[in-house]
Amino acid sequence: MILVTGGRGFIGAHTVRALLDLGERCVLGQRAAGPPPALVSEREVREGRAVVEPMDCTDPGSVLAAGRRHRVTGIVHLAAAGMGASAPLDELSANAAGLFAVLRAAREWGAGRVVVASTIGVYAGVTDQVLREDAPLPVASPHAIPAGKKIAEVVADAAASSGLDVVAARIGAIWGPLGRPSSPFFAAPRLVHTAARHAMAAGGASVSSTARAGETQAAGEGGVPGEAAPSYAEDAVDMCYARDCGRALALLQTTATLRHRTYNVGGGRAVANREVAAAIGRAVPGAAPALLPGRSQGAPAVDACLDISRLREDTGYASEWDLDRAVTDYVGWLRAGNPR
């Protein structure tokens, strides 16, 4: 079975779904108790194809216990301390402890491969427009998240040098079902949530209290008077739909031979807010968000994107969700009553 730490989380749930679709069985390790994610069917749970296990990755015994109950043949390590939930040093310490616990468990179990989640944020300070995995990275980081992921990549590389099969996945801006309604890093989630909210209101559908609460920060993307200022049309980011991201990570876990230790996981191009708005207008006529012209004051001079050539060449990955299909899918998911 493939252990997915953080398997009930946003990216974790999509990774589990993709692994199940590839015929794998999964252990979903999660510190917080709860049912399997909505992407996993009741039948898959009944048949033992997806099993939720309580797991605190900072506790090595908790991780090893899963290996006594299941034969773990591979790991996708996505679990991490919640963003801003603790002081930066505590966050870095917890994430490092979790990684060491997972790597030691992999060694004890003889697991085939460990895929470790990193982030596009490690490229902060790199001036290239196309971000390649072999680009030299600055030591300094502007935030605790990329700092922690750089630590993780160094540890993962050392573990790989000692004989473990470990690869790092530098994940871009991910959006889609189960994701946060609003992101501090890019506008697409709140743009889509606002469009779905307006579509449900126009259709007389009930909008859950959870959805409304999640929309607090999404205000303004529909051009409603009195709401926060809209996003800027030309601001752009490399964004990847969650279903594509899950499939990419599943392929990194299951592909027999990988030639590299680091892979970018993203869309492969920078997508501007105006493109997202246009796609929303096509998916929900009349709901295209109002955007300010130009770029925001803090926007980078160059819209960088991830080079995903390695991922494509080594795993056969190809995106199945272009922008229009993704927006339509996401709006449909939200209109079905899902709060995220």
C-alpha atoms as a PDB file:
ATOM      1  CA  MET A   1       0.000   0.000   0.000  1.00  0.00           C
ATOM      2  CA  ILE A   2       1.057   3.584  -0.593  1.00  0.00           C
ATOM      3  CA  LEU A   3       1.121   5.732   2.535  1.00  0.00           C
ATOM      4  CA  VAL A   4       0.015   9.308   1.856  1.00  0.00           C
ATOM      5  CA  THR A   5       0.733  11.452   4.903  1.00  0.00           C
ATOM      6  CA  GLY A   6      -1.770  14.267   5.036  1.00  0.00           C
ATOM      7  CA  GLY A   7      -3.999  12.013   2.953  1.00  0.00           C
ATOM      8  CA  ARG A   8      -7.205  13.679   4.106  1.00  0.00           C
ATOM      9  CA  GLY A   9      -5.900  17.127   3.200  1.00  0.00           C
ATOM     10  CA  PHE A  10      -6.286  19.122   0.000  1.00  0.00           C
ATOM     11  CA  ILE A  11      -3.425  17.856  -2.152  1.00  0.00           C
ATOM     12  CA  GLY A  12      -3.313  14.576  -0.258  1.00  0.00           C
ATOM     13  CA  ALA A  13      -6.903  13.704  -1.143  1.00  0.00           C
ATOM     14  CA  HIS A  14      -6.269  14.317  -4.843  1.00  0.00           C
ATOM     15  CA  THR A  15      -3.099  12.245  -4.683  1.00  0.00           C
ATOM     16  CA  VAL A  16      -4.989   9.380  -3.058  1.00  0.00           C
ATOM     17  CA  ARG A  17      -7.686   9.635  -5.738  1.00  0.00           C
ATOM     18  CA  ALA A  18      -5.073   9.451  -8.496  1.00  0.00           C
ATOM     19  CA  LEU A  19      -3.293   6.501  -6.877  1.00  0.00           C
ATOM     20  CA  LEU A  20      -6.580   4.627  -6.532  1.00  0.00           C
ATOM     21  CA  ASP A  21      -7.292   5.319 -10.200  1.00  0.00           C
ATOM     22  CA  LEU A  22      -3.910   3.778 -11.027  1.00  0.00           C
ATOM     23  CA  GLY A  23      -4.923   0.602  -9.176  1.00  0.00           C
ATOM     24  CA  GLU A  24      -2.985   1.252  -5.966  1.00  0.00           C
ATOM     25  CA  ARG A  25      -4.249   0.820  -2.410  1.00  0.00           C
ATOM     26  CA  CYS A  26      -3.651   3.673   0.012  1.00  0.00           C
ATOM     27  CA  VAL A  27      -3.137   4.380   3.684  1.00  0.00           C
ATOM     28  CA  LEU A  28      -4.242   7.918   4.500  1.00  0.00           C
ATOM     29  CA  GLY A  29      -2.168   9.134   7.443  1.00  0.00           C
ATOM     30  CA  GLN A  30      -3.721  12.083   9.239  1.00  0.00           C
ATOM     31  CA  ARG A  31      -3.295  13.600  12.698  1.00  0.00           C
ATOM     32  CA  ALA A  32      -6.844  14.972  12.813  1.00  0.00           C
ATOM     33  CA  ALA A  33      -9.522  12.312  13.145  1.00  0.00           C
ATOM     34  CA  GLY A  34     -12.268  12.210  10.569  1.00  0.00           C
ATOM     35  CA  PRO A  35     -13.790  10.335   7.650  1.00  0.00           C
ATOM     36  CA  PRO A  36     -12.060   9.742   4.313  1.00  0.00           C
ATOM     37  CA  PRO A  37     -12.140  12.722   1.930  1.00  0.00           C
ATOM     38  CA  ALA A  38     -15.106  13.141  -0.388  1.00  0.00           C
ATOM     39  CA  LEU A  39     -12.990  12.017  -3.354  1.00  0.00           C
ATOM     40  CA  VAL A  40     -12.809   8.488  -1.910  1.00  0.00           C
ATOM     41  CA  SER A  41     -15.896   6.303  -2.328  1.00  0.00           C
ATOM     42  CA  GLU A  42     -17.550   4.313   0.445  1.00  0.00           C
ATOM     43  CA  ARG A  43     -16.978   1.174  -1.589  1.00  0.00           C
ATOM     44  CA  GLU A  44     -13.229   1.816  -1.734  1.00  0.00           C
ATOM     45  CA  VAL A  45     -13.224   2.157   2.042  1.00  0.00           C
ATOM     46  CA  ARG A  46     -15.290  -1.016   2.556  1.00  0.00           C
ATOM     47  CA  GLU A  47     -12.998  -2.984   0.267  1.00  0.00           C
ATOM     48  CA  GLY A  48      -9.907  -1.769   2.115  1.00  0.00           C
ATOM     49  CA  ARG A  49      -8.486   0.079  -0.871  1.00  0.00           C
ATOM     50  CA  ALA A  50      -8.362   3.283   1.162  1.00  0.00           C
ATOM     51  CA  VAL A  51      -7.702   3.120   4.900  1.00  0.00           C
ATOM     52  CA  VAL A  52      -7.495   6.136   7.208  1.00  0.00           C
ATOM     53  CA  GLU A  53      -4.893   5.769   9.955  1.00  0.00           C
ATOM     54  CA  PRO A  54      -4.354   8.178  12.866  1.00  0.00           C
ATOM     55  CA  MET A  55      -0.809   9.478  12.499  1.00  0.00           C
ATOM     56  CA  ASP A  56       1.287  12.245  14.008  1.00  0.00           C
ATOM     57  CA  CYS A  57       4.368  12.467  11.837  1.00  0.00           C
ATOM     58  CA  THR A  58       6.319  14.211  14.606  1.00  0.00           C
ATOM     59  CA  ASP A  59       5.940  10.986  16.650  1.00  0.00           C
ATOM     60  CA  PRO A  60       8.070   8.222  15.088  1.00  0.00           C
ATOM     61  CA  GLY A  61       6.119   5.562  16.957  1.00  0.00           C
ATOM     62  CA  SER A  62       2.882   6.809  15.446  1.00  0.00           C
ATOM     63  CA  VAL A  63       4.320   6.493  11.946  1.00  0.00           C
ATOM     64  CA  LEU A  64       5.855   3.075  12.539  1.00  0.00           C
ATOM     65  CA  ALA A  65       2.562   1.753  13.916  1.00  0.00           C
ATOM     66  CA  ALA A  66       0.993   2.113  10.458  1.00  0.00           C
ATOM     67  CA  GLY A  67       3.677  -0.183   9.064  1.00  0.00           C
ATOM     68  CA  ARG A  68       2.760  -2.866  11.570  1.00  0.00           C
ATOM     69  CA  ARG A  69      -0.837  -2.847  10.333  1.00  0.00           C
ATOM     70  CA  HIS A  70      -0.169  -2.457   6.612  1.00  0.00           C
ATOM     71  CA  ARG A  71       2.543  -3.414   4.145  1.00  0.00           C
ATOM     72  CA  VAL A  72       3.717   0.008   3.015  1.00  0.00           C
ATOM     73  CA  THR A  73       5.527  -0.127  -0.323  1.00  0.00           C
ATOM     74  CA  GLY A  74       5.845   3.597  -0.977  1.00  0.00           C
ATOM     75  CA  ILE A  75       5.216   6.974   0.641  1.00  0.00           C
ATOM     76  CA  VAL A  76       4.012  10.375  -0.531  1.00  0.00           C
ATOM     77  CA  HIS A  77       4.862  12.742   2.320  1.00  0.00           C
ATOM     78  CA  LEU A  78       2.535  15.757   2.269  1.00  0.00           C
ATOM     79  CA  ALA A  79       1.778  16.292   5.955  1.00  0.00           C
ATOM     80  CA  ALA A  80       3.009  19.608   7.352  1.00  0.00           C
ATOM     81  CA  ALA A  81       2.351  22.003  10.181  1.00  0.00           C
ATOM     82  CA  GLY A  82      -0.497  24.374   9.403  1.00  0.00           C
ATOM     83  CA  MET A  83       0.586  27.633   7.778  1.00  0.00           C
ATOM     84  CA  GLY A  84       0.959  30.241  10.511  1.00  0.00           C
ATOM     85  CA  ALA A  85      -0.393  27.877  13.177  1.00  0.00           C
ATOM     86  CA  SER A  86       2.757  28.214  15.279  1.00  0.00           C
ATOM     87  CA  ALA A  87       5.917  30.291  15.597  1.00  0.00           C
ATOM     88  CA  PRO A  88       8.329  29.889  12.643  1.00  0.00           C
ATOM     89  CA  LEU A  89      10.933  27.953  14.642  1.00  0.00           C
ATOM     90  CA  ASP A  90       8.271  25.604  16.008  1.00  0.00           C
ATOM     91  CA  GLU A  91       6.888  25.105  12.503  1.00  0.00           C
ATOM     92  CA  LEU A  92      10.332  24.335  11.077  1.00  0.00           C
ATOM     93  CA  SER A  93      11.102  21.960  13.934  1.00  0.00           C
ATOM     94  CA  ALA A  94       7.831  20.058  13.565  1.00  0.00           C
ATOM     95  CA  ASN A  95       8.176  19.676   9.809  1.00  0.00           C
ATOM     96  CA  ALA A  96      11.789  18.516  10.061  1.00  0.00           C
ATOM     97  CA  ALA A  97      10.857  16.005  12.760  1.00  0.00           C
ATOM     98  CA  GLY A  98       8.035  14.688  10.594  1.00  0.00           C
ATOM     99  CA  LEU A  99      10.318  14.225   7.609  1.00  0.00           C
ATOM    100  CA  PHE A 100      12.943  12.363   9.643  1.00  0.00           C
ATOM    101  CA  ALA A 101      10.261  10.084  11.105  1.00  0.00           C
ATOM    102  CA  VAL A 102       8.919   9.250   7.640  1.00  0.00           C
ATOM    103  CA  LEU A 103      12.363   8.620   6.151  1.00  0.00           C
ATOM    104  CA  ARG A 104      13.365   6.359   9.030  1.00  0.00           C
ATOM    105  CA  ALA A 105      10.108   4.445   8.678  1.00  0.00           C
ATOM    106  CA  ALA A 106      10.724   4.057   4.946  1.00  0.00           C
ATOM    107  CA  ARG A 107      14.156   2.606   5.676  1.00  0.00           C
ATOM    108  CA  GLU A 108      12.769   0.184   8.272  1.00  0.00           C
ATOM    109  CA  TRP A 109       9.907  -0.924   6.016  1.00  0.00           C
ATOM    110  CA  GLY A 110      12.003  -1.177   2.876  1.00  0.00           C
ATOM    111  CA  ALA A 111       9.560   1.145   1.134  1.00  0.00           C
ATOM    112  CA  GLY A 112      10.244   1.517  -2.572  1.00  0.00           C
ATOM    113  CA  ARG A 113      10.124   5.300  -2.919  1.00  0.00           C
ATOM    114  CA  VAL A 114       9.414   8.394  -0.844  1.00  0.00           C
ATOM    115  CA  VAL A 115       8.041  11.471  -2.628  1.00  0.00           C
ATOM    116  CA  VAL A 116       8.612  14.557  -0.476  1.00  0.00           C
ATOM    117  CA  ALA A 117       6.552  17.696  -1.022  1.00  0.00           C
ATOM    118  CA  SER A 118       8.509  20.878  -1.694  1.00  0.00           C
ATOM    119  CA  THR A 119       7.267  24.163  -3.146  1.00  0.00           C
ATOM    120  CA  ILE A 120       7.708  26.617  -5.998  1.00  0.00           C
ATOM    121  CA  GLY A 121       8.623  29.030  -3.205  1.00  0.00           C
ATOM    122  CA  VAL A 122      12.156  27.639  -3.025  1.00  0.00           C
ATOM    123  CA  TYR A 123      12.828  29.545  -6.272  1.00  0.00           C
ATOM    124  CA  ALA A 124      12.339  32.924  -4.547  1.00  0.00           C
ATOM    125  CA  GLY A 125      15.287  35.057  -5.594  1.00  0.00           C
ATOM    126  CA  VAL A 126      15.896  33.141  -8.834  1.00  0.00           C
ATOM    127  CA  THR A 127      15.574  35.655 -11.681  1.00  0.00           C
ATOM    128  CA  ASP A 128      14.975  33.215 -14.551  1.00  0.00           C
ATOM    129  CA  GLN A 129      11.570  33.380 -16.211  1.00  0.00           C
ATOM    130  CA  VAL A 130      11.474  29.609 -16.642  1.00  0.00           C
ATOM    131  CA  LEU A 131      12.277  27.863 -13.368  1.00  0.00           C
ATOM    132  CA  ARG A 132      14.267  24.670 -13.840  1.00  0.00           C
ATOM    133  CA  GLU A 133      15.139  22.140 -11.189  1.00  0.00           C
ATOM    134  CA  ASP A 134      18.904  22.582 -11.729  1.00  0.00           C
ATOM    135  CA  ALA A 135      18.825  26.356 -11.070  1.00  0.00           C
ATOM    136  CA  PRO A 136      21.046  27.397  -8.113  1.00  0.00           C
ATOM    137  CA  LEU A 137      18.837  28.387  -5.174  1.00  0.00           C
ATOM    138  CA  PRO A 138      19.562  31.203  -2.716  1.00  0.00           C
ATOM    139  CA  VAL A 139      20.124  30.051   0.852  1.00  0.00           C
ATOM    140  CA  ALA A 140      17.917  32.836   2.250  1.00  0.00           C
ATOM    141  CA  SER A 141      14.128  32.491   2.148  1.00  0.00           C
ATOM    142  CA  PRO A 142      11.450  35.176   2.499  1.00  0.00           C
ATOM    143  CA  HIS A 143       9.071  32.936   4.455  1.00  0.00           C
ATOM    144  CA  ALA A 144       9.104  29.920   6.785  1.00  0.00           C
ATOM    145  CA  ILE A 145       7.462  27.672   4.181  1.00  0.00           C
ATOM    146  CA  PRO A 146      10.222  27.828   1.509  1.00  0.00           C
ATOM    147  CA  ALA A 147      12.841  27.786   4.275  1.00  0.00           C
ATOM    148  CA  GLY A 148      11.388  24.553   5.592  1.00  0.00           C
ATOM    149  CA  LYS A 149      11.125  23.032   2.142  1.00  0.00           C
ATOM    150  CA  LYS A 150      14.783  23.825   1.432  1.00  0.00           C
ATOM    151  CA  ILE A 151      15.659  21.982   4.629  1.00  0.00           C
ATOM    152  CA  ALA A 152      13.494  19.088   3.457  1.00  0.00           C
ATOM    153  CA  GLU A 153      15.186  18.951   0.069  1.00  0.00           C
ATOM    154  CA  VAL A 154      18.656  18.876   1.646  1.00  0.00           C
ATOM    155  CA  VAL A 155      17.602  16.065   3.994  1.00  0.00           C
ATOM    156  CA  ALA A 156      15.892  14.169   1.168  1.00  0.00           C
ATOM    157  CA  ASP A 157      18.994  14.427  -1.000  1.00  0.00           C
ATOM    158  CA  ALA A 158      21.183  13.150   1.837  1.00  0.00           C
ATOM    159  CA  ALA A 159      18.774  10.251   2.372  1.00  0.00           C
ATOM    160  CA  ALA A 160      18.879   9.448  -1.346  1.00  0.00           C
ATOM    161  CA  SER A 161      22.676   9.457  -1.223  1.00  0.00           C
ATOM    162  CA  SER A 162      22.509   6.879   1.573  1.00  0.00           C
ATOM    163  CA  GLY A 163      20.473   4.467  -0.506  1.00  0.00           C
ATOM    164  CA  LEU A 164      16.812   5.454  -0.083  1.00  0.00           C
ATOM    165  CA  ASP A 165      14.780   6.199  -3.208  1.00  0.00           C
ATOM    166  CA  VAL A 166      13.692   9.760  -2.405  1.00  0.00           C
ATOM    167  CA  VAL A 167      12.487  12.474  -4.772  1.00  0.00           C
ATOM    168  CA  ALA A 168      11.346  16.028  -4.056  1.00  0.00           C
ATOM    169  CA  ALA A 169       8.325  17.521  -5.811  1.00  0.00           C
ATOM    170  CA  ARG A 170       8.376  21.325  -6.121  1.00  0.00           C
ATOM    171  CA  ILE A 171       4.669  22.044  -6.214  1.00  0.00           C
ATOM    172  CA  GLY A 172       3.248  25.226  -7.742  1.00  0.00           C
ATOM    173  CA  ALA A 173       0.018  27.105  -6.969  1.00  0.00           C
ATOM    174  CA  ILE A 174      -2.668  24.436  -6.635  1.00  0.00           C
ATOM    175  CA  TRP A 175      -6.393  25.145  -6.810  1.00  0.00           C
ATOM    176  CA  GLY A 176      -9.592  23.175  -7.072  1.00  0.00           C
ATOM    177  CA  PRO A 177     -11.998  21.014  -5.049  1.00  0.00           C
ATOM    178  CA  LEU A 178     -11.231  20.800  -1.303  1.00  0.00           C
ATOM    179  CA  GLY A 179      -8.840  23.765  -1.491  1.00  0.00           C
ATOM    180  CA  ARG A 180      -9.038  26.936   0.565  1.00  0.00           C
ATOM    181  CA  PRO A 181     -11.660  29.417  -0.674  1.00  0.00           C
ATOM    182  CA  SER A 182      -9.028  32.146  -0.625  1.00  0.00           C
ATOM    183  CA  SER A 183      -5.256  32.027  -1.016  1.00  0.00           C
ATOM    184  CA  PRO A 184      -2.732  34.689  -0.006  1.00  0.00           C
ATOM    185  CA  PHE A 185      -0.633  33.758  -3.033  1.00  0.00           C
ATOM    186  CA  PHE A 186      -2.999  33.928  -6.035  1.00  0.00           C
ATOM    187  CA  ALA A 187      -6.528  35.000  -6.903  1.00  0.00           C
ATOM    188  CA  ALA A 188      -8.026  32.009  -8.725  1.00  0.00           C
ATOM    189  CA  PRO A 189      -9.633  30.225  -5.736  1.00  0.00           C
ATOM    190  CA  ARG A 190     -11.530  33.278  -4.519  1.00  0.00           C
ATOM    191  CA  LEU A 191     -12.465  34.291  -8.060  1.00  0.00           C
ATOM    192  CA  VAL A 192     -14.086  30.903  -8.648  1.00  0.00           C
ATOM    193  CA  HIS A 193     -15.708  30.736  -5.216  1.00  0.00           C
ATOM    194  CA  THR A 194     -17.282  34.141  -5.717  1.00  0.00           C
ATOM    195  CA  ALA A 195     -18.613  33.166  -9.162  1.00  0.00           C
ATOM    196  CA  ALA A 196     -20.082  29.964  -7.749  1.00  0.00           C
ATOM    197  CA  ARG A 197     -21.670  31.875  -4.887  1.00  0.00           C
ATOM    198  CA  HIS A 198     -23.300  34.298  -7.300  1.00  0.00           C
ATOM    199  CA  ALA A 199     -24.446  31.475  -9.572  1.00  0.00           C
ATOM    200  CA  MET A 200     -26.057  29.658  -6.644  1.00  0.00           C
ATOM    201  CA  ALA A 201     -27.736  32.830  -5.457  1.00  0.00           C
ATOM    202  CA  ALA A 202     -29.085  33.526  -8.938  1.00  0.00           C
ATOM    203  CA  GLY A 203     -30.374  29.987  -9.211  1.00  0.00           C
ATOM    204  CA  GLY A 204     -31.989  30.029  -5.798  1.00  0.00           C
ATOM    205  CA  ALA A 205     -29.632  27.349  -4.492  1.00  0.00           C
ATOM    206  CA  SER A 206     -28.709  27.269  -0.840  1.00  0.00           C
ATOM    207  CA  VAL A 207     -25.219  28.475  -0.032  1.00  0.00           C
ATOM    208  CA  SER A 208     -23.825  26.698   3.037  1.00  0.00           C
ATOM    209  CA  SER A 209     -22.732  28.735   6.032  1.00  0.00           C
ATOM    210  CA  THR A 210     -19.275  27.246   5.639  1.00  0.00           C
ATOM    211  CA  ALA A 211     -19.113  28.485   2.051  1.00  0.00           C
ATOM    212  CA  ARG A 212     -20.271  31.948   3.076  1.00  0.00           C
ATOM    213  CA  ALA A 213     -17.671  32.075   5.841  1.00  0.00           C
ATOM    214  CA  GLY A 214     -14.982  31.067   3.381  1.00  0.00           C
ATOM    215  CA  GLU A 215     -16.043  33.858   1.057  1.00  0.00           C
ATOM    216  CA  THR A 216     -15.261  36.635   3.535  1.00  0.00           C
ATOM    217  CA  GLN A 217     -11.868  37.196   1.958  1.00  0.00           C
ATOM    218  CA  ALA A 218     -13.190  36.580  -1.534  1.00  0.00           C
ATOM    219  CA  ALA A 219     -15.215  39.748  -1.640  1.00  0.00           C
ATOM    220  CA  GLY A 220     -14.775  42.066  -4.566  1.00  0.00           C
ATOM    221  CA  GLU A 221     -14.180  39.566  -7.325  1.00  0.00           C
ATOM    222  CA  GLY A 222     -17.743  40.000  -8.567  1.00  0.00           C
ATOM    223  CA  GLY A 223     -17.639  43.779  -8.704  1.00  0.00           C
ATOM    224  CA  VAL A 224     -20.164  44.142  -5.884  1.00  0.00           C
ATOM    225  CA  PRO A 225     -20.216  47.697  -4.428  1.00  0.00           C
ATOM    226  CA  GLY A 226     -18.776  47.946  -0.949  1.00  0.00           C
ATOM    227  CA  GLU A 227     -16.648  44.825  -1.259  1.00  0.00           C
ATOM    228  CA  ALA A 228     -12.858  44.731  -1.268  1.00  0.00           C
ATOM    229  CA  ALA A 229     -10.953  45.898  -4.351  1.00  0.00           C
ATOM    230  CA  PRO A 230     -10.765  43.362  -7.197  1.00  0.00           C
ATOM    231  CA  SER A 231      -7.569  41.661  -8.244  1.00  0.00           C
ATOM    232  CA  TYR A 232      -5.414  42.963 -11.081  1.00  0.00           C
ATOM    233  CA  ALA A 233      -5.943  41.618 -14.583  1.00  0.00           C
ATOM    234  CA  GLU A 234      -2.310  41.066 -15.506  1.00  0.00           C
ATOM    235  CA  ASP A 235      -1.094  39.488 -12.259  1.00  0.00           C
ATOM    236  CA  ALA A 236      -0.092  35.931 -13.157  1.00  0.00           C
ATOM    237  CA  VAL A 237       1.164  32.758 -11.532  1.00  0.00           C
ATOM    238  CA  ASP A 238       2.005  29.194 -12.512  1.00  0.00           C
ATOM    239  CA  MET A 239      -1.107  27.354 -11.354  1.00  0.00           C
ATOM    240  CA  CYS A 240      -2.029  23.700 -11.586  1.00  0.00           C
ATOM    241  CA  TYR A 241      -5.479  22.209 -11.078  1.00  0.00           C
ATOM    242  CA  ALA A 242      -5.638  19.910  -8.065  1.00  0.00           C
ATOM    243  CA  ARG A 243      -6.704  16.852 -10.044  1.00  0.00           C
ATOM    244  CA  ASP A 244      -3.665  17.261 -12.306  1.00  0.00           C
ATOM    245  CA  CYS A 245      -1.403  17.802  -9.300  1.00  0.00           C
ATOM    246  CA  GLY A 246      -2.621  14.623  -7.641  1.00  0.00           C
ATOM    247  CA  ARG A 247      -1.982  12.648 -10.807  1.00  0.00           C
ATOM    248  CA  ALA A 248       1.522  14.087 -11.165  1.00  0.00           C
ATOM    249  CA  LEU A 249       2.423  13.081  -7.609  1.00  0.00           C
ATOM    250  CA  ALA A 250       0.908   9.630  -8.124  1.00  0.00           C
ATOM    251  CA  LEU A 251       3.042   9.163 -11.239  1.00  0.00           C
ATOM    252  CA  LEU A 252       6.167  10.270  -9.380  1.00  0.00           C
ATOM    253  CA  GLN A 253       5.394   7.603  -6.793  1.00  0.00           C
ATOM    254  CA  THR A 254       4.568   4.754  -9.195  1.00  0.00           C
ATOM    255  CA  THR A 255       6.824   5.273 -12.233  1.00  0.00           C
ATOM    256  CA  ALA A 256       9.356   2.460 -12.136  1.00  0.00           C
ATOM    257  CA  THR A 257      12.482   4.491 -12.905  1.00  0.00           C
ATOM    258  CA  LEU A 258      13.098   8.188 -12.360  1.00  0.00           C
ATOM    259  CA  ARG A 259      16.272   9.843 -13.615  1.00  0.00           C
ATOM    260  CA  HIS A 260      16.300  12.779 -11.203  1.00  0.00           C
ATOM    261  CA  ARG A 261      15.814  13.566  -7.517  1.00  0.00           C
ATOM    262  CA  THR A 262      13.828  16.774  -7.998  1.00  0.00           C
ATOM    263  CA  TYR A 263      10.743  17.450 -10.133  1.00  0.00           C
ATOM    264  CA  ASN A 264       8.616  20.515 -10.713  1.00  0.00           C
ATOM    265  CA  VAL A 265       4.857  19.965 -10.468  1.00  0.00           C
ATOM    266  CA  GLY A 266       2.840  22.793 -11.992  1.00  0.00           C
ATOM    267  CA  GLY A 267       1.086  24.060 -15.049  1.00  0.00           C
ATOM    268  CA  GLY A 268       4.185  24.954 -17.014  1.00  0.00           C
ATOM    269  CA  ARG A 269       3.056  28.502 -17.767  1.00  0.00           C
ATOM    270  CA  ALA A 270       2.001  31.655 -15.925  1.00  0.00           C
ATOM    271  CA  VAL A 271      -1.776  32.190 -16.053  1.00  0.00           C
ATOM    272  CA  ALA A 272      -3.040  35.779 -15.731  1.00  0.00           C
ATOM    273  CA  ASN A 273      -6.101  36.731 -13.693  1.00  0.00           C
ATOM    274  CA  ARG A 274      -7.772  38.023 -16.866  1.00  0.00           C
ATOM    275  CA  GLU A 275      -7.580  34.490 -18.298  1.00  0.00           C
ATOM    276  CA  VAL A 276      -9.196  33.063 -15.185  1.00  0.00           C
ATOM    277  CA  ALA A 277     -11.905  35.741 -15.304  1.00  0.00           C
ATOM    278  CA  ALA A 278     -12.634  34.995 -18.964  1.00  0.00           C
ATOM    279  CA  ALA A 279     -12.921  31.266 -18.232  1.00  0.00           C
ATOM    280  CA  ILE A 280     -15.311  32.019 -15.354  1.00  0.00           C
ATOM    281  CA  GLY A 281     -17.421  34.139 -17.710  1.00  0.00           C
ATOM    282  CA  ARG A 282     -17.671  31.222 -20.115  1.00  0.00           C
ATOM    283  CA  ALA A 283     -18.535  28.748 -17.341  1.00  0.00           C
ATOM    284  CA  VAL A 284     -21.010  31.033 -15.557  1.00  0.00           C
ATOM    285  CA  PRO A 285     -22.429  33.619 -17.968  1.00  0.00           C
ATOM    286  CA  GLY A 286     -22.732  36.981 -16.282  1.00  0.00           C
ATOM    287  CA  ALA A 287     -20.375  36.094 -13.419  1.00  0.00           C
ATOM    288  CA  ALA A 288     -17.055  37.184 -14.945  1.00  0.00           C
ATOM    289  CA  PRO A 289     -15.287  39.065 -12.125  1.00  0.00           C
ATOM    290  CA  ALA A 290     -14.369  42.734 -12.357  1.00  0.00           C
ATOM    291  CA  LEU A 291     -10.599  43.194 -12.327  1.00  0.00           C
ATOM    292  CA  LEU A 292      -8.443  46.282 -12.094  1.00  0.00           C
ATOM    293  CA  PRO A 293      -6.333  46.893 -15.232  1.00  0.00           C
ATOM    294  CA  GLY A 294      -2.616  46.216 -15.229  1.00  0.00           C
ATOM    295  CA  ARG A 295      -0.556  44.706 -12.464  1.00  0.00           C
ATOM    296  CA  SER A 296      -0.563  45.107  -8.707  1.00  0.00           C
ATOM    297  CA  GLN A 297       2.168  47.125  -7.061  1.00  0.00           C
ATOM    298  CA  GLY A 298       3.816  44.070  -5.537  1.00  0.00           C
ATOM    299  CA  ALA A 299       3.721  41.931  -8.674  1.00  0.00           C
ATOM    300  CA  PRO A 300       7.087  40.565  -9.838  1.00  0.00           C
ATOM    301  CA  ALA A 301       8.737  42.138 -12.864  1.00  0.00           C
ATOM    302  CA  VAL A 302       8.747  38.751 -14.620  1.00  0.00           C
ATOM    303  CA  ASP A 303       5.947  36.175 -14.516  1.00  0.00           C
ATOM    304  CA  ALA A 304       7.934  33.022 -13.850  1.00  0.00           C
ATOM    305  CA  CYS A 305       6.703  29.527 -14.585  1.00  0.00           C
ATOM    306  CA  LEU A 306       7.841  26.044 -13.749  1.00  0.00           C
ATOM    307  CA  ASP A 307       9.596  23.960 -16.378  1.00  0.00           C
ATOM    308  CA  ILE A 308       7.848  20.580 -16.159  1.00  0.00           C
ATOM    309  CA  SER A 309       9.885  18.878 -18.892  1.00  0.00           C
ATOM    310  CA  ARG A 310      11.423  16.409 -16.437  1.00  0.00           C
ATOM    311  CA  LEU A 311       8.004  15.400 -15.140  1.00  0.00           C
ATOM    312  CA  ARG A 312       6.649  14.887 -18.645  1.00  0.00           C
ATOM    313  CA  GLU A 313       9.657  13.007 -19.969  1.00  0.00           C
ATOM    314  CA  ASP A 314      10.192  10.693 -17.000  1.00  0.00           C
ATOM    315  CA  THR A 315       6.573   9.881 -16.046  1.00  0.00           C
ATOM    316  CA  GLY A 316       4.559  10.539 -19.200  1.00  0.00           C
ATOM    317  CA  TYR A 317       2.533  13.164 -17.358  1.00  0.00           C
ATOM    318  CA  ALA A 318       0.270  15.419 -19.405  1.00  0.00           C
ATOM    319  CA  SER A 319      -2.320  17.830 -18.067  1.00  0.00           C
ATOM    320  CA  GLU A 320      -5.904  16.619 -18.417  1.00  0.00           C
ATOM    321  CA  TRP A 321      -7.469  19.855 -17.148  1.00  0.00           C
ATOM    322  CA  ASP A 322      -7.101  22.989 -19.241  1.00  0.00           C
ATOM    323  CA  LEU A 323      -8.306  26.251 -17.730  1.00  0.00           C
ATOM    324  CA  ASP A 324     -11.855  26.140 -19.110  1.00  0.00           C
ATOM    325  CA  ARG A 325     -12.423  22.530 -18.121  1.00  0.00           C
ATOM    326  CA  ALA A 326     -10.960  23.144 -14.666  1.00  0.00           C
ATOM    327  CA  VAL A 327     -13.076  26.225 -13.963  1.00  0.00           C
ATOM    328  CA  THR A 328     -16.231  24.453 -15.112  1.00  0.00           C
ATOM    329  CA  ASP A 329     -15.423  21.453 -12.923  1.00  0.00           C
ATOM    330  CA  TYR A 330     -14.631  23.587  -9.875  1.00  0.00           C
ATOM    331  CA  VAL A 331     -17.779  25.708 -10.207  1.00  0.00           C
ATOM    332  CA  GLY A 332     -19.839  22.538 -10.589  1.00  0.00           C
ATOM    333  CA  TRP A 333     -18.258  21.044  -7.481  1.00  0.00           C
ATOM    334  CA  LEU A 334     -19.090  24.148  -5.432  1.00  0.00           C
ATOM    335  CA  ARG A 335     -22.604  24.467  -6.839  1.00  0.00           C
ATOM    336  CA  ALA A 336     -23.228  20.858  -5.773  1.00  0.00           C
ATOM    337  CA  GLY A 337     -23.027  22.111  -2.180  1.00  0.00           C
ATOM    338  CA  ASN A 338     -19.413  21.381  -1.362  1.00  0.00           C
ATOM    339  CA  PRO A 339     -18.050  24.224   0.825  1.00  0.00           C
ATOM    340  CA  ARG A 340     -14.535  23.831  -0.572  1.00  0.00           C
END
